[in-house]
Every structure is written in structure tokens, then in C-alpha cells.
PDB file of N, CA and C in Angstrom:
ATOM      1  N   UNK A   1     -51.417  42.842 -26.264  1.00  0.00           N
ATOM      2  CA  UNK A   1     -49.545  42.486 -25.772  1.00  0.00           C
ATOM      3  C   UNK A   1     -48.604  42.086 -24.750  1.00  0.00           C
ATOM      4  N   UNK A   2     -49.471  43.444 -23.768  1.00  0.00           N
ATOM      5  CA  UNK A   2     -48.960  43.107 -23.168  1.00  0.00           C
ATOM      6  C   UNK A   2     -49.013  42.136 -21.589  1.00  0.00           C
ATOM      7  N   UNK A   3     -50.098  41.619 -22.590  1.00  0.00           N
ATOM      8  CA  UNK A   3     -51.081  40.259 -21.169  1.00  0.00           C
ATOM      9  C   UNK A   3     -49.430  38.866 -21.371  1.00  0.00           C
ATOM     10  N   UNK A   4     -49.030  38.764 -22.872  1.00  0.00           N
ATOM     11  CA  UNK A   4     -48.183  37.179 -23.618  1.00  0.00           C
ATOM     12  C   UNK A   4     -47.287  38.107 -22.803  1.00  0.00           C
ATOM     13  N   UNK A   5     -46.090  38.892 -23.228  1.00  0.00           N
ATOM     14  CA  UNK A   5     -45.204  39.475 -22.263  1.00  0.00           C
ATOM     15  C   UNK A   5     -45.158  38.970 -20.802  1.00  0.00           C
ATOM     16  N   UNK A   6     -45.769  38.652 -19.879  1.00  0.00           N
ATOM     17  CA  UNK A   6     -46.227  38.881 -18.828  1.00  0.00           C
ATOM     18  C   UNK A   6     -46.126  37.623 -18.969  1.00  0.00           C
ATOM     19  N   UNK A   7     -47.337  36.505 -19.656  1.00  0.00           N
ATOM     20  CA  UNK A   7     -46.849  35.032 -19.084  1.00  0.00           C
ATOM     21  C   UNK A   7     -45.703  34.286 -19.874  1.00  0.00           C
ATOM     22  N   UNK A   8     -45.163  35.212 -20.897  1.00  0.00           N
ATOM     23  CA  UNK A   8     -44.143  34.606 -21.187  1.00  0.00           C
ATOM     24  C   UNK A   8     -43.408  34.625 -20.034  1.00  0.00           C
ATOM     25  N   UNK A   9     -42.751  36.018 -19.559  1.00  0.00           N
ATOM     26  CA  UNK A   9     -42.178  35.883 -17.565  1.00  0.00           C
ATOM     27  C   UNK A   9     -42.160  34.721 -17.159  1.00  0.00           C
ATOM     28  N   UNK A  10     -43.580  34.298 -16.722  1.00  0.00           N
ATOM     29  CA  UNK A  10     -44.598  33.440 -15.412  1.00  0.00           C
ATOM     30  C   UNK A  10     -44.058  31.942 -16.381  1.00  0.00           C
ATOM     31  N   UNK A  11     -43.686  32.577 -17.767  1.00  0.00           N
ATOM     32  CA  UNK A  11     -43.235  30.455 -17.596  1.00  0.00           C
ATOM     33  C   UNK A  11     -42.238  30.403 -17.667  1.00  0.00           C
ATOM     34  N   UNK A  12     -41.165  31.192 -18.356  1.00  0.00           N
ATOM     35  CA  UNK A  12     -40.156  31.533 -18.253  1.00  0.00           C
ATOM     36  C   UNK A  12     -38.957  31.335 -16.275  1.00  0.00           C
ATOM     37  N   UNK A  13     -40.506  32.471 -15.738  1.00  0.00           N
ATOM     38  CA  UNK A  13     -39.967  32.342 -14.170  1.00  0.00           C
ATOM     39  C   UNK A  13     -40.612  30.544 -13.922  1.00  0.00           C
ATOM     40  N   UNK A  14     -41.908  29.893 -13.569  1.00  0.00           N
ATOM     41  CA  UNK A  14     -41.713  29.378 -13.422  1.00  0.00           C
ATOM     42  C   UNK A  14     -40.469  27.617 -14.185  1.00  0.00           C
ATOM     43  N   UNK A  15     -40.138  28.201 -15.313  1.00  0.00           N
ATOM     44  CA  UNK A  15     -39.266  27.024 -15.831  1.00  0.00           C
ATOM     45  C   UNK A  15     -38.049  27.112 -14.870  1.00  0.00           C
ATOM     46  N   UNK A  16     -37.592  28.144 -14.728  1.00  0.00           N
ATOM     47  CA  UNK A  16     -36.561  28.116 -14.332  1.00  0.00           C
ATOM     48  C   UNK A  16     -36.152  27.804 -12.554  1.00  0.00           C
ATOM     49  N   UNK A  17     -37.719  27.793 -12.165  1.00  0.00           N
ATOM     50  CA  UNK A  17     -38.103  27.911 -10.713  1.00  0.00           C
ATOM     51  C   UNK A  17     -38.128  25.895 -10.906  1.00  0.00           C
ATOM     52  N   UNK A  18     -38.151  25.067 -11.750  1.00  0.00           N
ATOM     53  CA  UNK A  18     -38.134  23.584 -11.948  1.00  0.00           C
ATOM     54  C   UNK A  18     -36.568  23.626 -12.019  1.00  0.00           C
ATOM     55  N   UNK A  19     -36.134  24.460 -12.975  1.00  0.00           N
ATOM     56  CA  UNK A  19     -34.098  23.996 -13.295  1.00  0.00           C
ATOM     57  C   UNK A  19     -33.767  24.572 -11.766  1.00  0.00           C
ATOM     58  N   UNK A  20     -34.009  24.812 -10.838  1.00  0.00           N
ATOM     59  CA  UNK A  20     -33.268  25.330  -9.846  1.00  0.00           C
ATOM     60  C   UNK A  20     -33.204  24.384  -8.711  1.00  0.00           C
ATOM     61  N   UNK A  21     -34.680  24.378  -8.483  1.00  0.00           N
ATOM     62  CA  UNK A  21     -34.775  22.226  -8.002  1.00  0.00           C
ATOM     63  C   UNK A  21     -34.310  21.580  -8.180  1.00  0.00           C
ATOM     64  N   UNK A  22     -34.239  21.014  -9.143  1.00  0.00           N
ATOM     65  CA  UNK A  22     -33.763  19.976  -9.684  1.00  0.00           C
ATOM     66  C   UNK A  22     -32.555  19.955  -9.631  1.00  0.00           C
ATOM     67  N   UNK A  23     -31.118  21.162  -9.560  1.00  0.00           N
ATOM     68  CA  UNK A  23     -29.845  21.680  -9.182  1.00  0.00           C
ATOM     69  C   UNK A  23     -30.142  21.938  -7.770  1.00  0.00           C
ATOM     70  N   UNK A  24     -30.397  21.881  -6.922  1.00  0.00           N
ATOM     71  CA  UNK A  24     -30.698  22.594  -5.435  1.00  0.00           C
ATOM     72  C   UNK A  24     -30.413  20.701  -5.379  1.00  0.00           C
ATOM     73  N   UNK A  25     -31.183  19.451  -5.214  1.00  0.00           N
ATOM     74  CA  UNK A  25     -31.564  18.726  -5.409  1.00  0.00           C
ATOM     75  C   UNK A  25     -30.894  17.909  -5.828  1.00  0.00           C
ATOM     76  N   UNK A  26     -30.493  17.899  -6.740  1.00  0.00           N
ATOM     77  CA  UNK A  26     -29.045  17.411  -7.500  1.00  0.00           C
ATOM     78  C   UNK A  26     -28.268  17.817  -5.842  1.00  0.00           C
ATOM     79  N   UNK A  27     -27.895  19.025  -5.957  1.00  0.00           N
ATOM     80  CA  UNK A  27     -26.990  18.894  -5.050  1.00  0.00           C
ATOM     81  C   UNK A  27     -26.947  18.073  -3.849  1.00  0.00           C
ATOM     82  N   UNK A  28     -28.168  17.773  -2.991  1.00  0.00           N
ATOM     83  CA  UNK A  28     -28.227  17.498  -1.295  1.00  0.00           C
ATOM     84  C   UNK A  28     -27.874  15.657  -2.053  1.00  0.00           C
ATOM     85  N   UNK A  29     -28.417  15.234  -2.818  1.00  0.00           N
ATOM     86  CA  UNK A  29     -28.231  13.696  -2.751  1.00  0.00           C
ATOM     87  C   UNK A  29     -26.100  14.320  -3.197  1.00  0.00           C
ATOM     88  N   UNK A  30     -25.980  14.860  -3.959  1.00  0.00           N
ATOM     89  CA  UNK A  30     -24.203  14.448  -3.991  1.00  0.00           C
ATOM     90  C   UNK A  30     -24.184  14.516  -2.979  1.00  0.00           C
ATOM     91  N   UNK A  31     -24.311  15.637  -1.657  1.00  0.00           N
ATOM     92  CA  UNK A  31     -23.338  15.305  -0.579  1.00  0.00           C
ATOM     93  C   UNK A  31     -23.825  14.568  -0.072  1.00  0.00           C
ATOM     94  N   UNK A  32     -25.281  14.293   0.260  1.00  0.00           N
ATOM     95  CA  UNK A  32     -24.840  12.577   0.749  1.00  0.00           C
ATOM     96  C   UNK A  32     -24.596  11.875   0.620  1.00  0.00           C
ATOM     97  N   UNK A  33     -24.574  11.155  -0.499  1.00  0.00           N
ATOM     98  CA  UNK A  33     -23.351  10.425  -1.054  1.00  0.00           C
ATOM     99  C   UNK A  33     -21.609  10.523  -0.663  1.00  0.00           C
ATOM    100  N   UNK A  34     -21.036  12.201  -1.066  1.00  0.00           N
ATOM    101  CA  UNK A  34     -20.079  11.790  -0.607  1.00  0.00           C
ATOM    102  C   UNK A  34     -19.924  12.062   1.170  1.00  0.00           C
ATOM    103  N   UNK A  35     -21.112  12.139   1.462  1.00  0.00           N
ATOM    104  CA  UNK A  35     -20.580  12.354   3.142  1.00  0.00           C
ATOM    105  C   UNK A  35     -20.272  10.402   3.456  1.00  0.00           C
ATOM    106  N   UNK A  36     -21.048   9.682   2.743  1.00  0.00           N
ATOM    107  CA  UNK A  36     -21.672   7.980   3.110  1.00  0.00           C
ATOM    108  C   UNK A  36     -20.421   7.884   2.752  1.00  0.00           C
ATOM    109  N   UNK A  37     -19.475   7.748   0.977  1.00  0.00           N
ATOM    110  CA  UNK A  37     -18.797   7.659   0.963  1.00  0.00           C
ATOM    111  C   UNK A  37     -16.808   8.205   1.302  1.00  0.00           C
ATOM    112  N   UNK A  38     -16.835   9.567   1.913  1.00  0.00           N
ATOM    113  CA  UNK A  38     -16.343   9.607   3.114  1.00  0.00           C
ATOM    114  C   UNK A  38     -16.524   8.800   4.500  1.00  0.00           C
ATOM    115  N   UNK A  39     -17.719   8.581   5.240  1.00  0.00           N
ATOM    116  CA  UNK A  39     -17.203   7.635   6.072  1.00  0.00           C
ATOM    117  C   UNK A  39     -16.882   5.652   6.203  1.00  0.00           C
ATOM    118  N   UNK A  40     -17.328   5.598   4.951  1.00  0.00           N
ATOM    119  CA  UNK A  40     -16.699   4.394   4.628  1.00  0.00           C
ATOM    120  C   UNK A  40     -15.317   3.833   4.258  1.00  0.00           C
ATOM    121  N   UNK A  41     -14.555   5.818   3.818  1.00  0.00           N
ATOM    122  CA  UNK A  41     -13.248   4.885   3.503  1.00  0.00           C
ATOM    123  C   UNK A  41     -12.759   4.946   4.693  1.00  0.00           C
ATOM    124  N   UNK A  42     -12.875   6.272   6.399  1.00  0.00           N
ATOM    125  CA  UNK A  42     -12.673   6.595   7.410  1.00  0.00           C
ATOM    126  C   UNK A  42     -12.811   4.941   8.496  1.00  0.00           C
ATOM    127  N   UNK A  43     -14.235   4.639   8.263  1.00  0.00           N
ATOM    128  CA  UNK A  43     -13.871   3.222   8.581  1.00  0.00           C
ATOM    129  C   UNK A  43     -13.593   2.298   8.033  1.00  0.00           C
ATOM    130  N   UNK A  44     -13.013   2.582   6.919  1.00  0.00           N
ATOM    131  CA  UNK A  44     -12.247   0.637   6.067  1.00  0.00           C
ATOM    132  C   UNK A  44     -11.141   1.201   6.959  1.00  0.00           C
ATOM    133  N   UNK A  45     -10.165   2.199   7.206  1.00  0.00           N
ATOM    134  CA  UNK A  45      -9.878   2.500   7.523  1.00  0.00           C
ATOM    135  C   UNK A  45      -9.218   1.875   8.853  1.00  0.00           C
ATOM    136  N   UNK A  46     -10.231   2.748  10.307  1.00  0.00           N
ATOM    137  CA  UNK A  46     -10.144   2.602  11.449  1.00  0.00           C
ATOM    138  C   UNK A  46     -10.100   0.860  11.732  1.00  0.00           C
ATOM    139  N   UNK A  47     -11.174   0.228  10.952  1.00  0.00           N
ATOM    140  CA  UNK A  47     -11.389  -1.089  11.202  1.00  0.00           C
ATOM    141  C   UNK A  47      -9.879  -2.216  10.437  1.00  0.00           C
ATOM    142  N   UNK A  48      -9.187  -1.383   8.630  1.00  0.00           N
ATOM    143  CA  UNK A  48      -8.182  -1.910   9.165  1.00  0.00           C
ATOM    144  C   UNK A  48      -7.625  -2.412   9.956  1.00  0.00           C
ATOM    145  N   UNK A  49      -6.780  -0.929  11.354  1.00  0.00           N
ATOM    146  CA  UNK A  49      -5.779  -0.807  11.789  1.00  0.00           C
ATOM    147  C   UNK A  49      -6.271  -1.902  13.321  1.00  0.00           C
ATOM    148  N   UNK A  50      -7.831  -1.691  13.281  1.00  0.00           N
ATOM    149  CA  UNK A  50      -8.022  -3.081  14.593  1.00  0.00           C
ATOM    150  C   UNK A  50      -7.468  -4.108  14.430  1.00  0.00           C
ATOM    151  N   UNK A  51      -7.275  -4.338  13.085  1.00  0.00           N
ATOM    152  CA  UNK A  51      -7.843  -6.097  12.655  1.00  0.00           C
ATOM    153  C   UNK A  51      -5.691  -6.330  12.253  1.00  0.00           C
ATOM    154  N   UNK A  52      -6.025  -4.809  12.223  1.00  0.00           N
ATOM    155  CA  UNK A  52      -3.890  -5.654  11.498  1.00  0.00           C
ATOM    156  C   UNK A  52      -3.465  -4.983  12.968  1.00  0.00           C
ATOM    157  N   UNK A  53      -3.741  -4.942  13.822  1.00  0.00           N
ATOM    158  CA  UNK A  53      -3.035  -3.596  14.795  1.00  0.00           C
ATOM    159  C   UNK A  53      -2.305  -4.922  15.607  1.00  0.00           C
ATOM    160  N   UNK A  54      -2.541  -6.490  16.152  1.00  0.00           N
ATOM    161  CA  UNK A  54      -1.982  -7.048  16.761  1.00  0.00           C
ATOM    162  C   UNK A  54      -0.859  -8.125  15.683  1.00  0.00           C
ATOM    163  N   UNK A  55      -1.228  -8.097  14.756  1.00  0.00           N
ATOM    164  CA  UNK A  55      -0.426  -8.823  13.832  1.00  0.00           C
ATOM    165  C   UNK A  55       1.045  -7.640  14.136  1.00  0.00           C
ATOM    166  N   UNK A  56       0.894  -6.035  13.939  1.00  0.00           N
ATOM    167  CA  UNK A  56       1.916  -5.605  14.205  1.00  0.00           C
ATOM    168  C   UNK A  56       2.830  -5.615  15.717  1.00  0.00           C
ATOM    169  N   UNK A  57       2.084  -5.826  16.260  1.00  0.00           N
ATOM    170  CA  UNK A  57       2.449  -6.166  17.440  1.00  0.00           C
ATOM    171  C   UNK A  57       3.324  -6.067  17.991  1.00  0.00           C
ATOM    172  N   UNK A  58       2.973  -8.065  17.483  1.00  0.00           N
ATOM    173  CA  UNK A  58       4.105  -9.228  17.740  1.00  0.00           C
ATOM    174  C   UNK A  58       4.661  -9.466  15.980  1.00  0.00           C
ATOM    175  N   UNK A  59       4.925  -8.481  14.984  1.00  0.00           N
ATOM    176  CA  UNK A  59       5.714  -8.403  13.852  1.00  0.00           C
ATOM    177  C   UNK A  59       7.207  -7.323  14.903  1.00  0.00           C
ATOM    178  N   UNK A  60       6.503  -6.725  15.645  1.00  0.00           N
ATOM    179  CA  UNK A  60       7.445  -5.325  16.483  1.00  0.00           C
ATOM    180  C   UNK A  60       8.357  -6.425  17.502  1.00  0.00           C
ATOM    181  N   UNK A  61       7.225  -7.067  18.124  1.00  0.00           N
ATOM    182  CA  UNK A  61       8.181  -7.372  19.383  1.00  0.00           C
ATOM    183  C   UNK A  61       9.391  -8.414  19.092  1.00  0.00           C
ATOM    184  N   UNK A  62       8.436  -9.681  18.106  1.00  0.00           N
ATOM    185  CA  UNK A  62       9.368 -10.308  17.319  1.00  0.00           C
ATOM    186  C   UNK A  62      11.040  -9.397  16.575  1.00  0.00           C
ATOM    187  N   UNK A  63      10.885  -8.424  16.609  1.00  0.00           N
ATOM    188  CA  UNK A  63      12.092  -7.429  15.739  1.00  0.00           C
ATOM    189  C   UNK A  63      12.776  -6.913  16.765  1.00  0.00           C
ATOM    190  N   UNK A  64      12.485  -6.530  18.330  1.00  0.00           N
ATOM    191  CA  UNK A  64      12.681  -6.080  19.400  1.00  0.00           C
ATOM    192  C   UNK A  64      13.417  -6.551  19.974  1.00  0.00           C
ATOM    193  N   UNK A  65      13.085  -8.816  20.382  1.00  0.00           N
ATOM    194  CA  UNK A  65      13.464  -9.659  20.647  1.00  0.00           C
ATOM    195  C   UNK A  65      14.583 -10.140  20.206  1.00  0.00           C
ATOM    196  N   UNK A  66      14.746 -10.149  18.445  1.00  0.00           N
ATOM    197  CA  UNK A  66      16.157  -9.905  17.778  1.00  0.00           C
ATOM    198  C   UNK A  66      17.155  -9.364  17.408  1.00  0.00           C
ATOM    199  N   UNK A  67      17.034  -7.782  18.149  1.00  0.00           N
ATOM    200  CA  UNK A  67      17.512  -7.334  18.163  1.00  0.00           C
ATOM    201  C   UNK A  67      17.944  -7.017  19.587  1.00  0.00           C
ATOM    202  N   UNK A  68      17.323  -7.417  20.358  1.00  0.00           N
ATOM    203  CA  UNK A  68      17.772  -7.071  22.233  1.00  0.00           C
ATOM    204  C   UNK A  68      18.936  -9.004  21.706  1.00  0.00           C
ATOM    205  N   UNK A  69      18.394 -10.216  20.848  1.00  0.00           N
ATOM    206  CA  UNK A  69      19.289 -11.144  21.355  1.00  0.00           C
ATOM    207  C   UNK A  69      20.626 -10.929  20.329  1.00  0.00           C
ATOM    208  N   UNK A  70      19.982 -10.343  20.113  1.00  0.00           N
ATOM    209  CA  UNK A  70      21.515  -9.595  19.234  1.00  0.00           C
ATOM    210  C   UNK A  70      22.698  -8.822  19.977  1.00  0.00           C
ATOM    211  N   UNK A  71      22.263  -7.890  20.293  1.00  0.00           N
ATOM    212  CA  UNK A  71      22.508  -6.613  21.131  1.00  0.00           C
ATOM    213  C   UNK A  71      23.503  -7.641  22.356  1.00  0.00           C
ATOM    214  N   UNK A  72      22.611  -9.021  23.269  1.00  0.00           N
ATOM    215  CA  UNK A  72      23.407 -10.066  23.508  1.00  0.00           C
ATOM    216  C   UNK A  72      24.635 -10.671  23.664  1.00  0.00           C
ATOM    217  N   UNK A  73      24.132 -10.987  22.462  1.00  0.00           N
ATOM    218  CA  UNK A  73      25.557 -12.143  22.249  1.00  0.00           C
ATOM    219  C   UNK A  73      26.616 -11.246  21.980  1.00  0.00           C
ATOM    220  N   UNK A  74      26.149  -9.657  20.642  1.00  0.00           N
ATOM    221  CA  UNK A  74      27.853  -9.301  20.570  1.00  0.00           C
ATOM    222  C   UNK A  74      28.345  -8.847  21.513  1.00  0.00           C
ATOM    223  N   UNK A  75      27.658  -8.258  23.321  1.00  0.00           N
ATOM    224  CA  UNK A  75      28.072  -8.371  24.317  1.00  0.00           C
ATOM    225  C   UNK A  75      28.926  -9.794  25.124  1.00  0.00           C
ATOM    226  N   UNK A  76      28.046 -10.606  24.280  1.00  0.00           N
ATOM    227  CA  UNK A  76      29.052 -12.195  24.638  1.00  0.00           C
ATOM    228  C   UNK A  76      30.256 -12.001  24.308  1.00  0.00           C
ATOM    229  N   UNK A  77      30.620 -11.884  22.871  1.00  0.00           N
ATOM    230  CA  UNK A  77      32.312 -12.088  22.140  1.00  0.00           C
ATOM    231  C   UNK A  77      32.781 -11.382  22.967  1.00  0.00           C
ATOM    232  N   UNK A  78      34.420 -12.164  23.239  1.00  0.00           N
ATOM    233  CA  UNK A  78      35.345 -11.208  23.137  1.00  0.00           C
ATOM    234  C   UNK A  78      36.377 -10.569  22.939  1.00  0.00           C
ATOM    235  N   UNK A  79      36.078  -9.119  22.973  1.00  0.00           N
ATOM    236  CA  UNK A  79      36.850  -8.565  21.694  1.00  0.00           C
ATOM    237  C   UNK A  79      38.681  -8.154  22.566  1.00  0.00           C
ATOM    238  N   UNK A  80      39.244  -8.963  21.581  1.00  0.00           N
ATOM    239  CA  UNK A  80      40.858  -8.681  21.807  1.00  0.00           C
ATOM    240  C   UNK A  80      41.297  -8.159  21.366  1.00  0.00           C
ATOM    241  N   UNK A  81      41.951  -7.001  21.744  1.00  0.00           N
ATOM    242  CA  UNK A  81      42.883  -5.765  21.032  1.00  0.00           C
ATOM    243  C   UNK A  81      43.875  -5.601  21.730  1.00  0.00           C
ATOM    244  N   UNK A  82      44.719  -5.067  20.932  1.00  0.00           N
ATOM    245  CA  UNK A  82      45.825  -4.944  22.257  1.00  0.00           C
ATOM    246  C   UNK A  82      45.749  -3.192  22.411  1.00  0.00           C
ATOM    247  N   UNK A  83      47.061  -3.111  23.347  1.00  0.00           N
ATOM    248  CA  UNK A  83      47.121  -1.183  23.518  1.00  0.00           C
ATOM    249  C   UNK A  83      47.342  -0.856  21.885  1.00  0.00           C
ATOM    250  N   UNK A  84      47.789  -1.071  21.291  1.00  0.00           N
ATOM    251  CA  UNK A  84      48.138  -0.733  20.140  1.00  0.00           C
ATOM    252  C   UNK A  84      47.938  -0.726  18.799  1.00  0.00           C
ATOM    253  N   UNK A  85      47.300  -1.507  18.900  1.00  0.00           N
ATOM    254  CA  UNK A  85      45.578  -0.952  17.590  1.00  0.00           C
ATOM    255  C   UNK A  85      44.609  -0.762  18.401  1.00  0.00           C
ATOM    256  N   UNK A  86      44.743  -0.217  19.630  1.00  0.00           N
ATOM    257  CA  UNK A  86      43.594   0.590  20.084  1.00  0.00           C
ATOM    258  C   UNK A  86      44.532   3.011  19.922  1.00  0.00           C
ATOM    259  N   UNK A  87      45.910   2.414  20.271  1.00  0.00           N
ATOM    260  CA  UNK A  87      46.703   3.733  19.869  1.00  0.00           C
ATOM    261  C   UNK A  87      46.061   4.006  18.582  1.00  0.00           C
ATOM    262  N   UNK A  88      45.709   3.119  18.073  1.00  0.00           N
ATOM    263  CA  UNK A  88      45.852   3.477  15.976  1.00  0.00           C
ATOM    264  C   UNK A  88      44.571   3.808  15.662  1.00  0.00           C
ATOM    265  N   UNK A  89      43.493   3.400  16.835  1.00  0.00           N
ATOM    266  CA  UNK A  89      42.484   4.066  15.819  1.00  0.00           C
ATOM    267  C   UNK A  89      42.465   5.028  16.267  1.00  0.00           C
ATOM    268  N   UNK A  90      42.799   5.549  17.961  1.00  0.00           N
ATOM    269  CA  UNK A  90      42.594   7.052  18.390  1.00  0.00           C
ATOM    270  C   UNK A  90      42.940   7.456  17.327  1.00  0.00           C
ATOM    271  N   UNK A  91      44.768   7.105  17.065  1.00  0.00           N
ATOM    272  CA  UNK A  91      44.939   8.177  16.368  1.00  0.00           C
ATOM    273  C   UNK A  91      44.115   8.334  14.897  1.00  0.00           C
ATOM    274  N   UNK A  92      43.663   7.200  14.438  1.00  0.00           N
ATOM    275  CA  UNK A  92      42.875   7.753  12.549  1.00  0.00           C
ATOM    276  C   UNK A  92      41.876   8.609  13.041  1.00  0.00           C
ATOM    277  N   UNK A  93      40.922   8.506  14.881  1.00  0.00           N
ATOM    278  CA  UNK A  93      39.753   9.284  14.893  1.00  0.00           C
ATOM    279  C   UNK A  93      40.491  10.180  14.753  1.00  0.00           C
ATOM    280  N   UNK A  94      41.686  10.584  15.713  1.00  0.00           N
ATOM    281  CA  UNK A  94      42.009  11.927  15.763  1.00  0.00           C
ATOM    282  C   UNK A  94      41.082  12.370  17.167  1.00  0.00           C
ATOM    283  N   UNK A  95      41.559  10.641  18.165  1.00  0.00           N
ATOM    284  CA  UNK A  95      40.445  11.399  19.461  1.00  0.00           C
ATOM    285  C   UNK A  95      41.951  11.571  20.469  1.00  0.00           C
TER     286      UNK A  95
END
């Protein structure tokens, strides 16, 4: 009777060991593929930045050129305000 119980315990132990080994292997594969997934995501973001940066730089340069042209044009406009208008504006602003 005791031999039967020991044999059952041995079989259960072997079965548990087999299950635990397969779980550990699954965990390793999952970790490996998760690392590859994140490397792909980070690499894609970095390569997109590398290839799109010249476009962003040229767009920003165009924006800055446009703003500077607008500022230059506004400086060239003659502003005609008489002293009465300036005084009304100062009074309205509380200056």
C-alpha cells in the first residue's frame, strides 16, 4: 500500500515538474517577444523622427520667415494717431 502511495507521489511530482517547466518556457518566450516588440516600437519612433526631422525643420523655417516678413511689414506701415486718440486710449487703459 505504501509503495502505491509513493509511486503516485512520484508520478504527481513528475507531472508537476513537467507543467512547471513548460510554464517557465512560456514565460521566457513571452519575455523575449515582449522585448522585441518594444525594440520595434522604439526603433520605429526613432527612425520616423530621423526621416521626418528635415521636413519639420523646413516647415519651422518657413513659419519663422513668414513671421519675420509680417513683422517687417508691420514696422513699415505708417501709424497715424493724433495725440487726442493716444490720450483716449491711455484713459481707457487706465495708464
